[in-house]
């Protein structure tokens, strides 16, 4: 997997290696150089997305959260398990909503640029977090806490051509040269 530095900050460390980025290293063990990783990317001045993964398997807007515990969606509402009362209490699912909106914003940005706008929104909670959603209910977000399973999901099928991947990468990392476009007319 190819790592792109999108922030201008200089940190001490080995250039090219994600300083303390366990998610990138977990994905990098399973994904080849056809995949590109961006950390804290804000294309077009939009609100920064925690991470974006682009490759033949598609485009993934990844949001991380520190929210721990058990969460469930029932009858169209979100609940959190309260250990002290041993009962389900209403929960404001801000991390789920934030992940869905990050995916939607990136999708709109790619669409405006004339690129494949299919973006999968992913929420990565801590490993000990549980999120239960009924099978018949779509929440618009993939909730996955394991980098290995996310890598398997991202590489399950090819949905983007190499040219599409290159164009999306060039759009997300302005330091990359844009791939040449075919000319409309010979000699013109």
N, C-alpha and C. Protein backbone atom coordinates (compact mmCIF):
# COMPACT_ATOMS: atom_id res chain seq x y z
N UNK A 1 0.85 -1.16 0.00
CA UNK A 1 0.00 0.00 0.00
C UNK A 1 0.90 1.23 0.00
N UNK A 2 0.52 2.21 -0.79
CA UNK A 2 1.30 3.44 -0.89
C UNK A 2 0.72 4.48 0.07
N UNK A 3 1.59 5.04 0.91
CA UNK A 3 1.17 6.04 1.89
C UNK A 3 1.42 7.43 1.34
N UNK A 4 0.43 8.29 1.44
CA UNK A 4 0.56 9.67 0.98
C UNK A 4 0.54 10.59 2.19
N UNK A 5 1.50 11.48 2.26
CA UNK A 5 1.54 12.48 3.32
C UNK A 5 0.71 13.67 2.86
N UNK A 6 -0.40 13.94 3.51
CA UNK A 6 -1.24 15.05 3.09
C UNK A 6 -1.11 16.25 3.99
N UNK A 7 -0.52 16.08 5.17
CA UNK A 7 -0.37 17.23 6.06
C UNK A 7 1.01 17.84 5.86
N UNK A 8 1.12 19.10 6.17
CA UNK A 8 2.37 19.82 6.00
C UNK A 8 3.25 19.74 7.25
N UNK A 9 2.73 19.16 8.32
CA UNK A 9 3.50 19.14 9.57
C UNK A 9 4.69 18.19 9.44
N UNK A 10 5.76 18.59 10.05
CA UNK A 10 6.97 17.76 10.06
C UNK A 10 7.09 17.13 11.44
N UNK A 11 7.12 15.81 11.46
CA UNK A 11 7.31 15.11 12.72
C UNK A 11 8.60 14.33 12.63
N UNK A 12 9.19 14.11 13.78
CA UNK A 12 10.39 13.28 13.80
C UNK A 12 9.98 11.84 13.54
N UNK A 13 10.75 11.18 12.76
CA UNK A 13 10.46 9.80 12.45
C UNK A 13 11.07 9.45 11.11
N UNK A 14 10.86 8.25 10.68
CA UNK A 14 11.40 7.81 9.41
C UNK A 14 10.46 8.28 8.31
N UNK A 15 10.97 9.01 7.30
CA UNK A 15 10.10 9.48 6.23
C UNK A 15 9.43 8.31 5.53
N UNK A 16 8.15 8.47 5.22
CA UNK A 16 7.42 7.44 4.50
C UNK A 16 6.72 6.44 5.38
N UNK A 17 7.07 6.40 6.65
CA UNK A 17 6.39 5.47 7.55
C UNK A 17 5.37 6.22 8.39
N UNK A 18 4.18 5.64 8.56
CA UNK A 18 3.18 6.32 9.36
C UNK A 18 3.56 6.28 10.82
N UNK A 19 3.83 7.42 11.40
CA UNK A 19 4.25 7.51 12.80
C UNK A 19 3.08 7.12 13.69
N UNK A 20 3.11 5.90 14.22
CA UNK A 20 2.07 5.45 15.14
C UNK A 20 0.74 5.14 14.49
N UNK A 21 0.68 4.94 13.18
CA UNK A 21 -0.58 4.67 12.49
C UNK A 21 -0.78 3.16 12.36
N UNK A 22 -1.38 2.57 13.40
CA UNK A 22 -1.58 1.12 13.41
C UNK A 22 -2.56 0.68 12.34
N UNK A 23 -3.55 1.51 12.04
CA UNK A 23 -4.54 1.17 11.02
C UNK A 23 -3.86 1.04 9.65
N UNK A 24 -3.02 1.99 9.30
CA UNK A 24 -2.32 1.93 8.01
C UNK A 24 -1.40 0.72 7.94
N UNK A 25 -0.69 0.43 9.02
CA UNK A 25 0.21 -0.72 8.98
C UNK A 25 -0.58 -2.03 8.92
N UNK A 26 -1.74 -2.09 9.58
CA UNK A 26 -2.59 -3.27 9.51
C UNK A 26 -3.13 -3.50 8.10
N UNK A 27 -3.55 -2.43 7.45
CA UNK A 27 -4.04 -2.54 6.07
C UNK A 27 -2.90 -2.84 5.11
N UNK A 28 -1.74 -2.23 5.37
CA UNK A 28 -0.58 -2.40 4.50
C UNK A 28 -0.06 -3.82 4.44
N UNK A 29 -0.28 -4.58 5.49
CA UNK A 29 0.15 -5.99 5.48
C UNK A 29 -0.67 -6.81 4.50
N UNK A 30 -1.91 -6.41 4.22
CA UNK A 30 -2.80 -7.19 3.35
C UNK A 30 -2.97 -6.62 1.95
N UNK A 31 -2.72 -5.31 1.78
CA UNK A 31 -3.00 -4.67 0.49
C UNK A 31 -1.70 -4.37 -0.26
N UNK A 32 -1.72 -4.56 -1.58
CA UNK A 32 -0.52 -4.31 -2.39
C UNK A 32 -0.42 -2.83 -2.78
N UNK A 33 0.53 -2.51 -3.66
CA UNK A 33 0.77 -1.13 -4.04
C UNK A 33 -0.28 -0.57 -4.99
N UNK A 34 -1.31 -1.32 -5.30
CA UNK A 34 -2.43 -0.80 -6.07
C UNK A 34 -3.35 0.04 -5.21
N UNK A 35 -3.13 0.03 -3.89
CA UNK A 35 -3.96 0.78 -2.94
C UNK A 35 -3.19 1.97 -2.41
N UNK A 36 -3.91 3.05 -2.16
CA UNK A 36 -3.31 4.30 -1.68
C UNK A 36 -4.00 4.72 -0.39
N UNK A 37 -3.21 5.18 0.57
CA UNK A 37 -3.68 5.55 1.90
C UNK A 37 -3.41 7.04 2.15
N UNK A 38 -4.45 7.75 2.53
CA UNK A 38 -4.34 9.16 2.88
C UNK A 38 -4.82 9.32 4.31
N UNK A 39 -4.06 10.01 5.12
CA UNK A 39 -4.45 10.26 6.51
C UNK A 39 -4.82 11.74 6.63
N UNK A 40 -5.93 12.03 7.26
CA UNK A 40 -6.41 13.39 7.53
C UNK A 40 -6.40 14.24 6.26
N UNK A 41 -7.24 13.85 5.32
CA UNK A 41 -7.31 14.53 4.04
C UNK A 41 -8.55 15.43 3.99
N UNK A 42 -8.37 16.64 3.45
CA UNK A 42 -9.47 17.61 3.35
C UNK A 42 -9.49 18.20 1.94
N UNK A 43 -9.92 17.41 0.94
CA UNK A 43 -9.89 17.92 -0.43
C UNK A 43 -10.91 19.03 -0.63
N UNK A 44 -10.52 20.03 -1.40
CA UNK A 44 -11.43 21.12 -1.72
C UNK A 44 -11.84 21.95 -0.52
N UNK A 45 -11.07 21.91 0.55
CA UNK A 45 -11.39 22.71 1.73
C UNK A 45 -12.51 22.14 2.59
N UNK A 46 -12.94 20.91 2.32
CA UNK A 46 -14.00 20.31 3.14
C UNK A 46 -13.46 19.92 4.52
N UNK A 47 -14.35 19.56 5.41
CA UNK A 47 -13.96 19.09 6.73
C UNK A 47 -13.08 17.85 6.55
N UNK A 48 -11.99 17.79 7.28
CA UNK A 48 -11.02 16.69 7.13
C UNK A 48 -11.66 15.34 7.43
N UNK A 49 -11.30 14.37 6.60
CA UNK A 49 -11.72 12.98 6.78
C UNK A 49 -10.54 12.27 7.44
N UNK A 50 -10.81 11.45 8.45
CA UNK A 50 -9.72 10.79 9.19
C UNK A 50 -8.76 10.06 8.26
N UNK A 51 -9.30 9.27 7.32
CA UNK A 51 -8.46 8.53 6.38
C UNK A 51 -9.27 8.18 5.15
N UNK A 52 -8.56 8.05 4.02
CA UNK A 52 -9.18 7.62 2.77
C UNK A 52 -8.31 6.52 2.19
N UNK A 53 -8.95 5.44 1.79
CA UNK A 53 -8.28 4.32 1.14
C UNK A 53 -8.84 4.23 -0.28
N UNK A 54 -7.94 4.26 -1.29
CA UNK A 54 -8.35 4.20 -2.68
C UNK A 54 -7.58 3.08 -3.36
N UNK A 55 -8.28 2.26 -4.11
CA UNK A 55 -7.62 1.18 -4.83
C UNK A 55 -8.60 0.52 -5.77
N UNK A 56 -8.19 -0.57 -6.40
CA UNK A 56 -9.08 -1.26 -7.33
C UNK A 56 -10.40 -1.71 -6.69
N UNK A 57 -10.39 -1.92 -5.38
CA UNK A 57 -11.59 -2.34 -4.66
C UNK A 57 -12.55 -1.20 -4.36
N UNK A 58 -12.18 0.05 -4.68
CA UNK A 58 -13.07 1.18 -4.47
C UNK A 58 -12.43 2.28 -3.63
N UNK A 59 -13.28 3.22 -3.26
CA UNK A 59 -12.86 4.35 -2.44
C UNK A 59 -13.56 4.23 -1.09
N UNK A 60 -12.80 4.35 -0.01
CA UNK A 60 -13.33 4.19 1.34
C UNK A 60 -12.98 5.42 2.17
N UNK A 61 -14.01 6.09 2.69
CA UNK A 61 -13.81 7.21 3.62
C UNK A 61 -13.88 6.62 5.01
N UNK A 62 -12.78 6.63 5.74
CA UNK A 62 -12.69 5.96 7.03
C UNK A 62 -12.70 6.98 8.15
N UNK A 63 -13.64 6.81 9.07
CA UNK A 63 -13.73 7.66 10.26
C UNK A 63 -13.42 6.80 11.46
N UNK A 64 -12.59 7.31 12.35
CA UNK A 64 -12.27 6.57 13.57
C UNK A 64 -12.99 7.22 14.74
N UNK A 65 -13.23 6.43 15.77
CA UNK A 65 -13.90 6.95 16.96
C UNK A 65 -13.32 6.27 18.19
N UNK A 66 -13.39 6.94 19.29
CA UNK A 66 -12.93 6.38 20.56
C UNK A 66 -14.10 5.86 21.38
N UNK A 67 -15.29 5.89 20.80
CA UNK A 67 -16.51 5.45 21.49
C UNK A 67 -16.42 3.95 21.80
N UNK A 68 -16.54 3.61 23.06
CA UNK A 68 -16.44 2.20 23.49
C UNK A 68 -17.78 1.71 24.01
N UNK A 69 -17.90 0.40 24.12
CA UNK A 69 -19.10 -0.18 24.69
C UNK A 69 -19.94 -0.91 23.66
N UNK A 70 -21.17 -1.21 24.06
CA UNK A 70 -22.13 -1.90 23.19
C UNK A 70 -23.16 -0.89 22.71
N UNK A 71 -23.43 -0.93 21.41
CA UNK A 71 -24.40 -0.04 20.80
C UNK A 71 -25.30 -0.86 19.89
N UNK A 72 -26.56 -0.48 19.81
CA UNK A 72 -27.50 -1.23 18.98
C UNK A 72 -28.50 -0.29 18.33
N UNK A 73 -28.93 -0.68 17.16
CA UNK A 73 -29.99 0.05 16.47
C UNK A 73 -31.22 -0.84 16.49
N UNK A 74 -32.28 -0.30 17.07
CA UNK A 74 -33.54 -1.06 17.18
C UNK A 74 -34.70 -0.12 16.89
N UNK A 75 -35.61 -0.57 16.06
CA UNK A 75 -36.82 0.19 15.73
C UNK A 75 -36.50 1.59 15.25
N UNK A 76 -35.41 1.74 14.50
CA UNK A 76 -35.04 3.03 13.95
C UNK A 76 -34.34 3.97 14.90
N UNK A 77 -34.00 3.51 16.10
CA UNK A 77 -33.34 4.35 17.09
C UNK A 77 -32.05 3.68 17.57
N UNK A 78 -31.11 4.50 18.04
CA UNK A 78 -29.84 4.00 18.55
C UNK A 78 -29.87 3.94 20.08
N UNK A 79 -29.24 2.88 20.61
CA UNK A 79 -29.15 2.70 22.05
C UNK A 79 -27.73 2.29 22.44
N UNK A 80 -27.38 2.60 23.67
CA UNK A 80 -26.09 2.23 24.25
C UNK A 80 -26.38 1.42 25.51
N UNK A 81 -25.59 0.38 25.73
CA UNK A 81 -25.76 -0.46 26.91
C UNK A 81 -25.14 0.25 28.11
N UNK A 82 -25.95 0.47 29.12
CA UNK A 82 -25.49 1.10 30.35
C UNK A 82 -25.19 -0.01 31.34
N UNK A 83 -23.91 -0.20 31.65
CA UNK A 83 -23.52 -1.30 32.54
C UNK A 83 -24.00 -1.09 33.97
N UNK A 84 -24.08 0.14 34.41
CA UNK A 84 -24.47 0.37 35.80
C UNK A 84 -25.95 0.04 36.04
N UNK A 85 -26.81 0.30 35.06
CA UNK A 85 -28.24 -0.03 35.22
C UNK A 85 -28.61 -1.33 34.50
N UNK A 86 -27.65 -1.88 33.76
CA UNK A 86 -27.87 -3.09 32.97
C UNK A 86 -29.12 -2.95 32.10
N UNK A 87 -29.14 -1.85 31.33
CA UNK A 87 -30.26 -1.61 30.42
C UNK A 87 -29.78 -0.78 29.22
N UNK A 88 -30.60 -0.79 28.17
CA UNK A 88 -30.30 -0.01 26.98
C UNK A 88 -30.84 1.41 27.19
N UNK A 89 -30.02 2.41 26.91
CA UNK A 89 -30.44 3.80 27.03
C UNK A 89 -30.26 4.48 25.68
N UNK A 90 -31.05 5.51 25.37
CA UNK A 90 -30.89 6.20 24.08
C UNK A 90 -29.47 6.73 23.91
N UNK A 91 -29.00 6.69 22.67
CA UNK A 91 -27.64 7.10 22.35
C UNK A 91 -27.66 8.00 21.13
N UNK A 92 -26.94 9.11 21.20
CA UNK A 92 -26.77 9.99 20.05
C UNK A 92 -25.65 9.39 19.20
N UNK A 93 -26.00 8.85 18.07
CA UNK A 93 -25.05 8.13 17.22
C UNK A 93 -24.22 9.08 16.36
N UNK A 94 -23.61 10.09 16.99
CA UNK A 94 -22.81 11.08 16.26
C UNK A 94 -21.66 10.45 15.47
N UNK A 95 -20.96 9.43 16.00
CA UNK A 95 -19.88 8.82 15.20
C UNK A 95 -20.40 8.16 13.91
N UNK A 96 -21.56 7.53 13.99
CA UNK A 96 -22.14 6.88 12.81
C UNK A 96 -22.55 7.94 11.79
N UNK A 97 -23.21 8.99 12.27
CA UNK A 97 -23.63 10.08 11.39
C UNK A 97 -22.42 10.78 10.78
N UNK A 98 -21.39 11.03 11.57
CA UNK A 98 -20.18 11.67 11.07
C UNK A 98 -19.50 10.85 9.99
N UNK A 99 -19.44 9.53 10.17
CA UNK A 99 -18.83 8.66 9.17
C UNK A 99 -19.64 8.67 7.87
N UNK A 100 -20.95 8.61 8.00
CA UNK A 100 -21.81 8.62 6.82
C UNK A 100 -21.66 9.95 6.05
N UNK A 101 -21.61 11.06 6.78
CA UNK A 101 -21.46 12.37 6.15
C UNK A 101 -20.08 12.53 5.50
N UNK A 102 -19.04 11.99 6.11
CA UNK A 102 -17.70 12.05 5.51
C UNK A 102 -17.70 11.33 4.17
N UNK A 103 -18.32 10.16 4.13
CA UNK A 103 -18.42 9.42 2.87
C UNK A 103 -19.21 10.17 1.83
N UNK A 104 -20.29 10.80 2.25
CA UNK A 104 -21.14 11.57 1.33
C UNK A 104 -20.41 12.80 0.78
N UNK A 105 -19.68 13.52 1.65
CA UNK A 105 -18.93 14.69 1.20
C UNK A 105 -17.86 14.30 0.18
N UNK A 106 -17.16 13.21 0.44
CA UNK A 106 -16.13 12.76 -0.50
C UNK A 106 -16.78 12.32 -1.81
N UNK A 107 -17.91 11.66 -1.73
CA UNK A 107 -18.64 11.23 -2.92
C UNK A 107 -19.04 12.43 -3.78
N UNK A 108 -19.56 13.48 -3.17
CA UNK A 108 -19.95 14.68 -3.90
C UNK A 108 -18.74 15.37 -4.52
N UNK A 109 -17.62 15.39 -3.80
CA UNK A 109 -16.39 16.00 -4.30
C UNK A 109 -15.90 15.26 -5.54
N UNK A 110 -15.90 13.93 -5.50
CA UNK A 110 -15.45 13.14 -6.64
C UNK A 110 -16.42 13.30 -7.81
N UNK A 111 -17.71 13.37 -7.52
CA UNK A 111 -18.72 13.55 -8.56
C UNK A 111 -18.52 14.89 -9.29
N UNK A 112 -18.27 15.95 -8.53
CA UNK A 112 -18.04 17.26 -9.15
C UNK A 112 -16.79 17.25 -10.04
N UNK A 113 -15.84 16.40 -9.73
CA UNK A 113 -14.62 16.29 -10.53
C UNK A 113 -14.79 15.34 -11.72
N UNK A 114 -15.97 14.75 -11.86
CA UNK A 114 -16.24 13.85 -12.97
C UNK A 114 -15.64 12.46 -12.79
N UNK A 115 -15.42 12.06 -11.55
CA UNK A 115 -14.83 10.75 -11.27
C UNK A 115 -15.87 9.81 -10.70
N UNK A 116 -15.50 8.54 -10.57
CA UNK A 116 -16.37 7.55 -9.95
C UNK A 116 -16.70 7.99 -8.53
N UNK A 117 -17.98 8.25 -8.29
CA UNK A 117 -18.38 8.86 -7.02
C UNK A 117 -18.83 7.84 -5.98
N UNK A 118 -18.67 6.57 -6.26
CA UNK A 118 -19.07 5.54 -5.29
C UNK A 118 -18.06 5.50 -4.16
N UNK A 119 -18.48 5.91 -2.97
CA UNK A 119 -17.60 5.93 -1.81
C UNK A 119 -18.25 5.12 -0.70
N UNK A 120 -17.50 4.22 -0.11
CA UNK A 120 -18.00 3.44 1.03
C UNK A 120 -17.57 4.15 2.31
N UNK A 121 -18.54 4.50 3.14
CA UNK A 121 -18.25 5.12 4.43
C UNK A 121 -17.96 4.02 5.44
N UNK A 122 -16.86 4.18 6.17
CA UNK A 122 -16.44 3.17 7.14
C UNK A 122 -16.24 3.83 8.49
N UNK A 123 -16.76 3.21 9.53
CA UNK A 123 -16.53 3.65 10.91
C UNK A 123 -15.67 2.60 11.59
N UNK A 124 -14.51 3.03 12.12
CA UNK A 124 -13.59 2.11 12.80
C UNK A 124 -13.58 2.44 14.29
N UNK A 125 -14.37 1.71 15.08
CA UNK A 125 -14.35 1.90 16.53
C UNK A 125 -13.20 1.10 17.14
N UNK A 126 -12.94 1.29 18.45
CA UNK A 126 -11.94 0.45 19.12
C UNK A 126 -12.36 -1.03 19.03
N UNK A 127 -11.39 -1.91 19.16
CA UNK A 127 -11.63 -3.34 18.98
C UNK A 127 -12.70 -3.91 19.91
N UNK A 128 -12.80 -3.38 21.13
CA UNK A 128 -13.76 -3.95 22.09
C UNK A 128 -15.17 -3.38 21.95
N UNK A 129 -15.41 -2.56 20.96
CA UNK A 129 -16.73 -1.96 20.75
C UNK A 129 -17.61 -2.86 19.91
N UNK A 130 -18.87 -2.98 20.30
CA UNK A 130 -19.84 -3.76 19.55
C UNK A 130 -20.91 -2.83 19.01
N UNK A 131 -21.27 -3.02 17.74
CA UNK A 131 -22.36 -2.26 17.13
C UNK A 131 -23.28 -3.27 16.46
N UNK A 132 -24.51 -3.36 16.95
CA UNK A 132 -25.49 -4.30 16.41
C UNK A 132 -26.49 -3.55 15.55
N UNK A 133 -26.67 -4.05 14.32
CA UNK A 133 -27.64 -3.47 13.39
C UNK A 133 -28.41 -4.63 12.77
N UNK A 134 -29.74 -4.56 12.75
CA UNK A 134 -30.51 -5.63 12.10
C UNK A 134 -30.12 -5.78 10.64
N UNK A 135 -30.11 -7.02 10.15
CA UNK A 135 -29.69 -7.30 8.78
C UNK A 135 -30.53 -6.56 7.74
N UNK A 136 -31.80 -6.36 8.02
CA UNK A 136 -32.70 -5.74 7.05
C UNK A 136 -32.64 -4.21 7.08
N UNK A 137 -31.80 -3.63 7.93
CA UNK A 137 -31.72 -2.19 8.06
C UNK A 137 -30.35 -1.68 7.60
N UNK A 138 -30.37 -0.82 6.59
CA UNK A 138 -29.12 -0.24 6.08
C UNK A 138 -28.88 1.09 6.78
N UNK A 139 -27.66 1.26 7.33
CA UNK A 139 -27.34 2.51 8.03
C UNK A 139 -26.41 3.39 7.20
N UNK A 140 -25.97 2.91 6.04
CA UNK A 140 -25.12 3.69 5.16
C UNK A 140 -23.67 3.74 5.57
N UNK A 141 -23.28 2.92 6.54
CA UNK A 141 -21.91 2.90 7.05
C UNK A 141 -21.50 1.45 7.30
N UNK A 142 -20.26 1.14 6.95
CA UNK A 142 -19.69 -0.16 7.29
C UNK A 142 -18.99 0.03 8.63
N UNK A 143 -19.36 -0.74 9.63
CA UNK A 143 -18.72 -0.66 10.94
C UNK A 143 -17.77 -1.84 11.04
N UNK A 144 -16.48 -1.54 11.09
CA UNK A 144 -15.46 -2.58 11.14
C UNK A 144 -14.32 -2.14 12.04
N UNK A 145 -14.05 -2.93 13.06
CA UNK A 145 -13.00 -2.59 14.02
C UNK A 145 -11.66 -3.25 13.69
N UNK A 146 -11.66 -4.22 12.78
CA UNK A 146 -10.44 -4.98 12.48
C UNK A 146 -9.88 -4.58 11.12
N UNK A 147 -8.61 -4.16 11.09
CA UNK A 147 -7.96 -3.73 9.86
C UNK A 147 -7.83 -4.88 8.86
N UNK A 148 -7.61 -6.09 9.34
CA UNK A 148 -7.49 -7.25 8.45
C UNK A 148 -8.80 -7.50 7.70
N UNK A 149 -9.92 -7.43 8.41
CA UNK A 149 -11.23 -7.64 7.77
C UNK A 149 -11.55 -6.50 6.82
N UNK A 150 -11.17 -5.27 7.17
CA UNK A 150 -11.39 -4.15 6.27
C UNK A 150 -10.57 -4.32 5.00
N UNK A 151 -9.34 -4.78 5.12
CA UNK A 151 -8.50 -5.03 3.95
C UNK A 151 -9.12 -6.11 3.05
N UNK A 152 -9.66 -7.16 3.66
CA UNK A 152 -10.32 -8.21 2.89
C UNK A 152 -11.55 -7.66 2.16
N UNK A 153 -12.29 -6.81 2.82
CA UNK A 153 -13.46 -6.18 2.22
C UNK A 153 -13.05 -5.26 1.06
N UNK A 154 -11.98 -4.48 1.26
CA UNK A 154 -11.53 -3.54 0.24
C UNK A 154 -10.96 -4.25 -0.99
N UNK A 155 -10.48 -5.45 -0.83
CA UNK A 155 -9.88 -6.17 -1.95
C UNK A 155 -10.75 -7.31 -2.46
N UNK A 156 -12.00 -7.38 -2.02
CA UNK A 156 -12.89 -8.48 -2.40
C UNK A 156 -13.20 -8.50 -3.89
N UNK A 157 -13.45 -7.34 -4.49
CA UNK A 157 -13.72 -7.29 -5.92
C UNK A 157 -13.20 -5.97 -6.49
N UNK A 158 -12.87 -5.99 -7.76
CA UNK A 158 -12.35 -4.79 -8.41
C UNK A 158 -13.51 -3.99 -8.98
N UNK A 159 -13.61 -2.73 -8.56
CA UNK A 159 -14.67 -1.86 -9.05
C UNK A 159 -14.11 -0.61 -9.74
N UNK A 160 -12.82 -0.33 -9.58
CA UNK A 160 -12.20 0.81 -10.21
C UNK A 160 -11.05 0.35 -11.11
N UNK A 161 -10.93 0.99 -12.27
CA UNK A 161 -9.80 0.70 -13.16
C UNK A 161 -8.56 1.44 -12.62
N UNK A 162 -7.40 1.09 -13.14
CA UNK A 162 -6.18 1.75 -12.70
C UNK A 162 -6.21 3.24 -13.03
N UNK A 163 -6.81 3.60 -14.17
CA UNK A 163 -6.92 5.01 -14.54
C UNK A 163 -7.80 5.77 -13.55
N UNK A 164 -8.91 5.17 -13.14
CA UNK A 164 -9.79 5.81 -12.17
C UNK A 164 -9.06 6.00 -10.83
N UNK A 165 -8.32 4.98 -10.41
CA UNK A 165 -7.56 5.08 -9.16
C UNK A 165 -6.55 6.21 -9.26
N UNK A 166 -5.82 6.27 -10.37
CA UNK A 166 -4.81 7.32 -10.56
C UNK A 166 -5.44 8.72 -10.52
N UNK A 167 -6.59 8.90 -11.13
CA UNK A 167 -7.24 10.21 -11.15
C UNK A 167 -7.72 10.60 -9.75
N UNK A 168 -8.27 9.66 -9.00
CA UNK A 168 -8.73 9.95 -7.63
C UNK A 168 -7.53 10.30 -6.75
N UNK A 169 -6.44 9.54 -6.89
CA UNK A 169 -5.23 9.81 -6.11
C UNK A 169 -4.69 11.19 -6.44
N UNK A 170 -4.64 11.55 -7.72
CA UNK A 170 -4.15 12.87 -8.12
C UNK A 170 -5.03 13.98 -7.58
N UNK A 171 -6.32 13.72 -7.47
CA UNK A 171 -7.24 14.72 -6.94
C UNK A 171 -7.08 14.89 -5.43
N UNK A 172 -6.83 13.79 -4.72
CA UNK A 172 -6.69 13.85 -3.26
C UNK A 172 -5.31 14.32 -2.81
N UNK A 173 -4.30 14.11 -3.63
CA UNK A 173 -2.94 14.54 -3.29
C UNK A 173 -2.45 15.49 -4.37
N UNK A 174 -2.60 16.79 -4.16
CA UNK A 174 -2.26 17.76 -5.21
C UNK A 174 -0.79 17.75 -5.60
N UNK A 175 0.07 17.12 -4.82
CA UNK A 175 1.48 17.05 -5.18
C UNK A 175 1.74 15.99 -6.24
N UNK A 176 0.75 15.11 -6.48
CA UNK A 176 0.90 14.09 -7.51
C UNK A 176 0.61 14.71 -8.88
N UNK A 177 1.36 14.34 -9.92
CA UNK A 177 1.05 14.86 -11.26
C UNK A 177 -0.24 14.23 -11.78
N UNK A 178 -1.05 15.03 -12.46
CA UNK A 178 -2.28 14.50 -13.06
C UNK A 178 -1.93 13.61 -14.24
N UNK A 179 -2.62 12.46 -14.37
CA UNK A 179 -2.38 11.61 -15.54
C UNK A 179 -2.83 12.36 -16.79
N UNK A 180 -2.15 12.14 -17.89
CA UNK A 180 -2.51 12.81 -19.14
C UNK A 180 -3.86 12.31 -19.62
N UNK A 181 -4.66 13.25 -20.11
CA UNK A 181 -5.96 12.91 -20.67
C UNK A 181 -5.81 12.70 -22.18
N UNK A 182 -6.67 11.89 -22.75
CA UNK A 182 -6.65 11.67 -24.19
C UNK A 182 -7.09 12.96 -24.89
N UNK A 183 -6.48 13.27 -26.01
CA UNK A 183 -6.85 14.46 -26.74
C UNK A 183 -8.19 14.26 -27.43
N UNK A 184 -8.96 15.34 -27.53
CA UNK A 184 -10.30 15.27 -28.13
C UNK A 184 -10.20 15.05 -29.63
N UNK A 185 -9.22 15.65 -30.28
CA UNK A 185 -9.07 15.51 -31.73
C UNK A 185 -7.58 15.32 -32.04
N UNK A 186 -7.28 14.61 -33.11
CA UNK A 186 -5.86 14.41 -33.47
C UNK A 186 -5.16 15.77 -33.67
N UNK A 187 -4.02 15.93 -33.01
CA UNK A 187 -3.25 17.16 -33.15
C UNK A 187 -3.85 18.35 -32.45
N UNK A 188 -4.92 18.15 -31.66
CA UNK A 188 -5.57 19.30 -31.03
C UNK A 188 -5.73 19.12 -29.63
